[in-house]
Protein backbone atom coordinates (compact mmCIF):
# COMPACT_ATOMS: atom_id res chain seq x y z
CA MET A 1 87.20 61.28 99.38
CA THR A 2 87.77 61.60 95.66
CA ALA A 3 89.41 64.51 93.87
CA GLU A 4 85.80 65.56 92.25
CA THR A 5 83.77 65.68 95.60
CA LEU A 6 86.56 68.09 97.17
CA LEU A 7 85.83 70.59 94.54
CA SER A 8 82.53 72.65 93.87
CA THR A 9 80.90 72.95 90.68
CA GLY A 10 82.46 76.53 89.23
CA ALA A 11 80.12 79.48 89.66
CA THR A 12 78.86 82.49 87.26
CA VAL A 13 80.81 85.76 88.64
CA GLU A 14 78.87 89.04 87.07
CA VAL A 15 80.19 92.50 87.72
CA HIS A 16 77.95 94.75 87.08
CA ASP A 17 79.06 98.88 86.45
CA VAL A 18 81.10 98.71 89.61
CA HIS A 19 82.63 102.36 90.66
CA LYS A 20 84.61 102.41 93.82
CA TRP A 21 86.66 105.52 95.16
CA TYR A 22 88.92 106.35 98.01
CA GLY A 23 88.13 110.21 98.51
CA ALA A 24 88.74 111.59 95.51
CA HIS A 25 90.91 108.70 94.12
CA ARG A 26 88.82 106.78 91.77
CA VAL A 27 89.90 103.00 91.77
CA LEU A 28 87.26 101.46 89.78
CA ASN A 29 85.40 103.44 86.94
CA GLY A 30 82.39 101.28 85.76
CA VAL A 31 83.68 97.78 85.53
CA ASP A 32 81.68 95.27 83.96
CA LEU A 33 82.80 91.64 83.80
CA THR A 34 81.50 88.12 83.40
CA VAL A 35 83.28 84.77 84.49
CA ARG A 36 81.68 81.92 83.33
CA PRO A 37 81.65 78.84 85.07
CA GLY A 38 84.85 76.86 85.14
CA GLU A 39 86.32 79.59 83.48
CA VAL A 40 89.75 80.79 84.03
CA THR A 41 90.09 84.87 83.95
CA VAL A 42 93.77 86.62 84.51
CA ILE A 43 93.20 89.84 85.17
CA LEU A 44 96.45 92.08 84.19
CA GLY A 45 97.59 95.45 84.58
CA PRO A 46 99.88 98.16 86.28
CA SER A 47 100.36 98.46 89.94
CA GLY A 48 97.76 100.87 91.05
CA SER A 49 95.09 99.88 88.26
CA GLY A 50 92.54 98.58 90.41
CA LYS A 51 93.17 95.03 90.21
CA SER A 52 93.38 93.83 93.66
CA THR A 53 90.44 96.24 94.68
CA LEU A 54 88.10 94.27 92.01
CA LEU A 55 88.78 91.21 93.88
CA ARG A 56 88.20 92.62 97.27
CA VAL A 57 85.08 93.86 95.74
CA ILE A 58 83.66 90.93 94.36
CA ASN A 59 83.75 89.11 97.53
CA HIS A 60 82.59 92.44 99.27
CA LEU A 61 85.85 92.91 101.67
CA GLU A 62 85.14 96.22 99.46
CA LYS A 63 81.90 97.91 99.31
CA PRO A 64 81.19 99.48 95.67
CA GLU A 65 79.85 102.98 95.84
CA ILE A 66 78.11 102.39 92.44
CA GLY A 67 77.41 98.68 90.86
CA HIS A 68 77.30 95.40 92.08
CA VAL A 69 78.20 91.83 92.19
CA SER A 70 76.39 88.54 91.81
CA LEU A 71 77.27 85.06 91.85
CA ASP A 72 74.97 82.38 90.13
CA GLY A 73 72.63 85.31 89.84
CA GLU A 74 72.55 86.10 93.82
CA LEU A 75 73.76 89.75 94.78
CA ILE A 76 77.23 89.76 96.95
CA GLY A 77 76.49 91.80 100.06
CA VAL A 78 73.24 93.60 99.21
CA ARG A 79 69.68 92.90 98.84
CA ARG A 80 67.36 94.79 96.60
CA GLN A 81 64.60 96.93 98.40
CA GLY A 82 62.38 98.62 95.74
CA ASP A 83 64.96 100.45 93.53
CA ARG A 84 67.83 100.49 95.96
CA LEU A 85 70.25 98.13 97.07
CA LYS A 86 70.48 97.90 101.04
CA GLU A 87 73.76 96.25 102.78
CA LEU A 88 73.12 92.71 104.16
CA SER A 89 73.89 92.00 107.56
CA GLU A 90 77.86 90.96 108.29
CA ARG A 91 76.51 87.30 109.34
CA ALA A 92 74.87 87.15 105.87
CA ILE A 93 77.83 88.74 104.11
CA LEU A 94 79.93 85.77 105.79
CA THR A 95 77.85 83.53 104.81
CA GLN A 96 78.11 84.33 101.00
CA ARG A 97 81.75 84.58 101.51
CA GLY A 98 81.94 81.00 102.08
CA ARG A 99 80.98 80.31 98.50
CA ILE A 100 84.10 82.67 97.32
CA GLY A 101 87.49 81.49 98.36
CA PHE A 102 90.37 84.05 98.56
CA VAL A 103 94.15 83.59 98.37
CA PHE A 104 96.02 86.58 99.47
CA GLN A 105 99.10 87.54 98.59
CA ASN A 106 100.74 87.16 102.31
CA PHE A 107 99.29 83.70 103.17
CA ASN A 108 97.17 85.09 106.12
CA LEU A 109 97.65 81.72 107.76
CA PHE A 110 97.00 81.65 111.63
CA PRO A 111 100.51 81.35 113.29
CA HIS A 112 99.17 79.70 116.47
CA LEU A 113 97.11 76.85 114.38
CA THR A 114 98.78 73.60 112.66
CA VAL A 115 98.39 73.64 109.07
CA LEU A 116 95.68 70.87 109.18
CA ASP A 117 93.69 73.27 111.99
CA ASN A 118 94.28 76.16 109.38
CA VAL A 119 92.42 74.17 106.70
CA ALA A 120 89.74 72.56 108.84
CA ALA A 121 88.89 76.22 110.74
CA ALA A 122 86.33 77.44 108.45
CA PRO A 123 83.77 74.68 107.80
CA VAL A 124 84.05 74.47 111.48
CA ALA A 125 83.45 77.92 112.03
CA THR A 126 80.64 78.10 109.47
CA GLY A 127 79.05 75.06 110.99
CA ARG A 128 78.99 73.16 107.76
CA LEU A 129 81.34 70.29 109.12
CA ALA A 130 81.50 68.74 112.41
CA LYS A 131 85.25 68.89 113.55
CA PRO A 132 86.17 64.97 112.64
CA ALA A 133 84.84 65.48 108.88
CA ALA A 134 86.47 68.71 108.80
CA LEU A 135 89.84 67.49 109.58
CA GLU A 136 89.14 64.53 107.18
CA LEU A 137 88.39 67.27 104.42
CA ALA A 138 91.59 68.88 105.61
CA ARG A 139 93.83 66.04 105.24
CA ASP A 140 92.26 65.18 101.71
CA LEU A 141 93.25 68.78 100.69
CA LEU A 142 96.47 68.95 102.04
CA ALA A 143 97.45 65.64 99.80
CA ARG A 144 95.89 67.41 96.82
CA VAL A 145 98.40 70.21 97.33
CA GLY A 146 101.37 68.02 98.12
CA LEU A 147 101.32 68.62 101.72
CA ALA A 148 100.25 65.42 103.42
CA ASP A 149 103.17 65.37 105.58
CA LYS A 150 103.01 68.86 107.12
CA ALA A 151 99.70 68.34 108.83
CA THR A 152 100.95 68.73 112.28
CA ALA A 153 103.35 71.46 111.18
CA TYR A 154 102.95 75.30 111.88
CA PRO A 155 103.15 77.71 109.53
CA ARG A 156 106.39 79.29 110.76
CA GLN A 157 107.83 75.76 110.03
CA LEU A 158 107.10 75.74 106.30
CA SER A 159 108.46 77.70 103.36
CA GLY A 160 106.81 80.57 101.62
CA GLY A 161 105.71 78.25 98.95
CA GLN A 162 104.43 75.65 101.38
CA GLN A 163 102.15 78.34 103.16
CA GLN A 164 100.94 79.58 99.97
CA ARG A 165 99.66 76.09 98.97
CA VAL A 166 98.48 75.53 102.57
CA ALA A 167 96.34 78.93 101.69
CA ILE A 168 94.99 77.72 98.68
CA ALA A 169 93.72 74.20 100.25
CA ARG A 170 92.15 76.42 103.16
CA ALA A 171 90.47 78.47 100.24
CA LEU A 172 89.35 74.84 98.90
CA ALA A 173 87.78 73.94 102.36
CA LEU A 174 84.30 75.47 101.70
CA ARG A 175 83.91 74.12 98.37
CA PRO A 176 83.73 77.73 97.03
CA GLY A 177 82.50 78.58 93.46
CA VAL A 178 85.01 80.48 92.53
CA ILE A 179 88.52 80.84 93.91
CA LEU A 180 90.20 84.81 93.65
CA PHE A 181 93.90 84.75 93.81
CA ASP A 182 95.63 88.37 94.44
CA GLU A 183 99.03 87.90 93.32
CA PRO A 184 99.69 84.40 94.81
CA THR A 185 103.23 84.81 94.10
CA SER A 186 104.36 87.65 94.41
CA ALA A 187 105.81 87.59 98.13
CA LEU A 188 107.51 84.44 97.06
CA ASP A 189 111.57 83.85 96.34
CA PRO A 190 111.71 83.15 92.68
CA GLU A 191 112.58 79.33 93.04
CA LEU A 192 109.19 78.82 95.19
CA VAL A 193 106.93 80.30 92.79
CA GLY A 194 106.75 76.89 90.71
CA GLU A 195 105.39 74.88 93.17
CA VAL A 196 102.25 77.26 93.93
CA LEU A 197 101.45 77.69 90.06
CA SER A 198 101.78 74.00 89.88
CA VAL A 199 98.52 73.51 92.01
CA ILE A 200 96.67 76.80 90.71
CA LYS A 201 97.26 74.75 87.10
CA ASP A 202 95.87 71.72 88.80
CA LEU A 203 92.77 73.77 89.83
CA ALA A 204 92.45 75.20 86.61
CA THR A 205 91.63 71.99 84.92
CA SER A 206 89.19 70.99 87.77
CA GLY A 207 86.25 73.18 86.53
CA THR A 208 86.33 75.70 89.63
CA THR A 209 85.87 79.13 88.27
CA LEU A 210 89.26 81.05 89.13
CA VAL A 211 90.02 84.68 89.02
CA ILE A 212 93.26 85.42 89.15
CA VAL A 213 95.36 88.68 89.51
CA THR A 214 99.25 88.02 88.40
CA HIS A 215 102.23 89.40 86.63
CA GLU A 216 103.07 85.93 85.71
CA ILE A 217 102.58 86.46 81.77
CA GLY A 218 103.77 83.25 80.72
CA PHE A 219 101.64 81.51 83.63
CA ALA A 220 98.65 83.53 82.06
CA ARG A 221 99.32 82.39 78.68
CA GLU A 222 99.51 79.02 79.61
CA ILE A 223 95.95 78.52 81.98
CA ALA A 224 93.63 81.19 81.20
CA ASP A 225 90.52 81.14 79.28
CA ARG A 226 90.61 84.84 79.08
CA VAL A 227 92.90 87.24 79.92
CA VAL A 228 91.69 90.95 81.00
CA PHE A 229 93.82 93.90 81.04
CA ILE A 230 93.05 96.88 83.29
CA ASP A 231 94.23 100.34 83.35
CA GLY A 232 93.14 103.35 85.40
CA GLY A 233 90.19 101.42 86.86
CA ARG A 234 88.59 100.50 83.60
CA ILE A 235 88.73 97.34 81.68
CA VAL A 236 90.92 98.26 78.39
CA GLU A 237 90.57 95.10 76.42
CA GLN A 238 89.71 91.27 77.10
CA GLY A 239 89.79 88.41 75.22
CA PRO A 240 92.02 84.70 74.75
CA PRO A 241 95.58 84.95 75.53
CA SER A 242 96.09 84.50 72.13
CA GLU A 243 94.83 87.73 71.27
CA VAL A 244 95.24 90.03 74.29
CA LEU A 245 99.00 88.72 75.00
CA ASP A 246 99.92 87.97 71.17
CA LYS A 247 98.16 90.53 69.15
CA PRO A 248 96.54 93.29 71.71
CA ARG A 249 94.48 95.73 69.99
CA HIS A 250 94.96 98.73 72.33
CA GLU A 251 98.23 100.86 72.67
CA ARG A 252 98.06 100.84 76.33
CA THR A 253 98.05 97.16 76.57
CA ARG A 254 100.83 96.94 74.10
CA ASP A 255 102.88 99.35 76.37
CA PHE A 256 102.27 97.44 79.17
CA LEU A 257 103.20 94.07 77.70
CA SER A 258 106.28 95.88 76.38
CA LYS A 259 107.67 96.44 79.85
CA VAL A 260 107.02 93.15 81.35
CA LEU A 261 107.53 90.58 78.45
């Protein structure tokens, strides 16, 4: 299987006027965002600004109170019924999530499965591939992330960096239109960060649509097509890294960058 056939064509992600709150706390406050096919969008912002919640709304792990998300024009998690949006069944939502890869901070691998079976599990469970074909795909994906020799290992036998690379291979196994990364290096020891960022950099040149929440500013500058700065549940500013990181227009962005650079 060639490198090209391992990956899907990048999808368009549209977030329209999304509001999300927990009790009296409004986490997202009217977010509008369009991510074009194959684009690498990096989301920056202080802790509690709504970055991770936005990712979880995109794949409908969190349901917005107002607004909606679409992938290539298809509403995620809901369907239109007259002038209202009606929640889809859990089965239908799970099918849609197959088009949206998610890489979590803490890997979330199945501890009782080998690395190979962790990567092959989703294509089999969703009925997309028979097990032999899923295992072949999993081996190819493990080779892509530099872990072909770890196929029979269990997650507990791997370093944090290796576990996160397995998680990336697992996210790729359904050939999603977009992959969401929620601070993929935050749980890693500093010396392991580079190996994960290297895999993501490789994906960034592949045409897959990536949305990445990270505090790695140098990494954002290197791979992002666009940087989005969020504060207080709102997009404060967005644009190419050369603008947002080097010549931010908004005082809040300048203040944030002065503390992290």
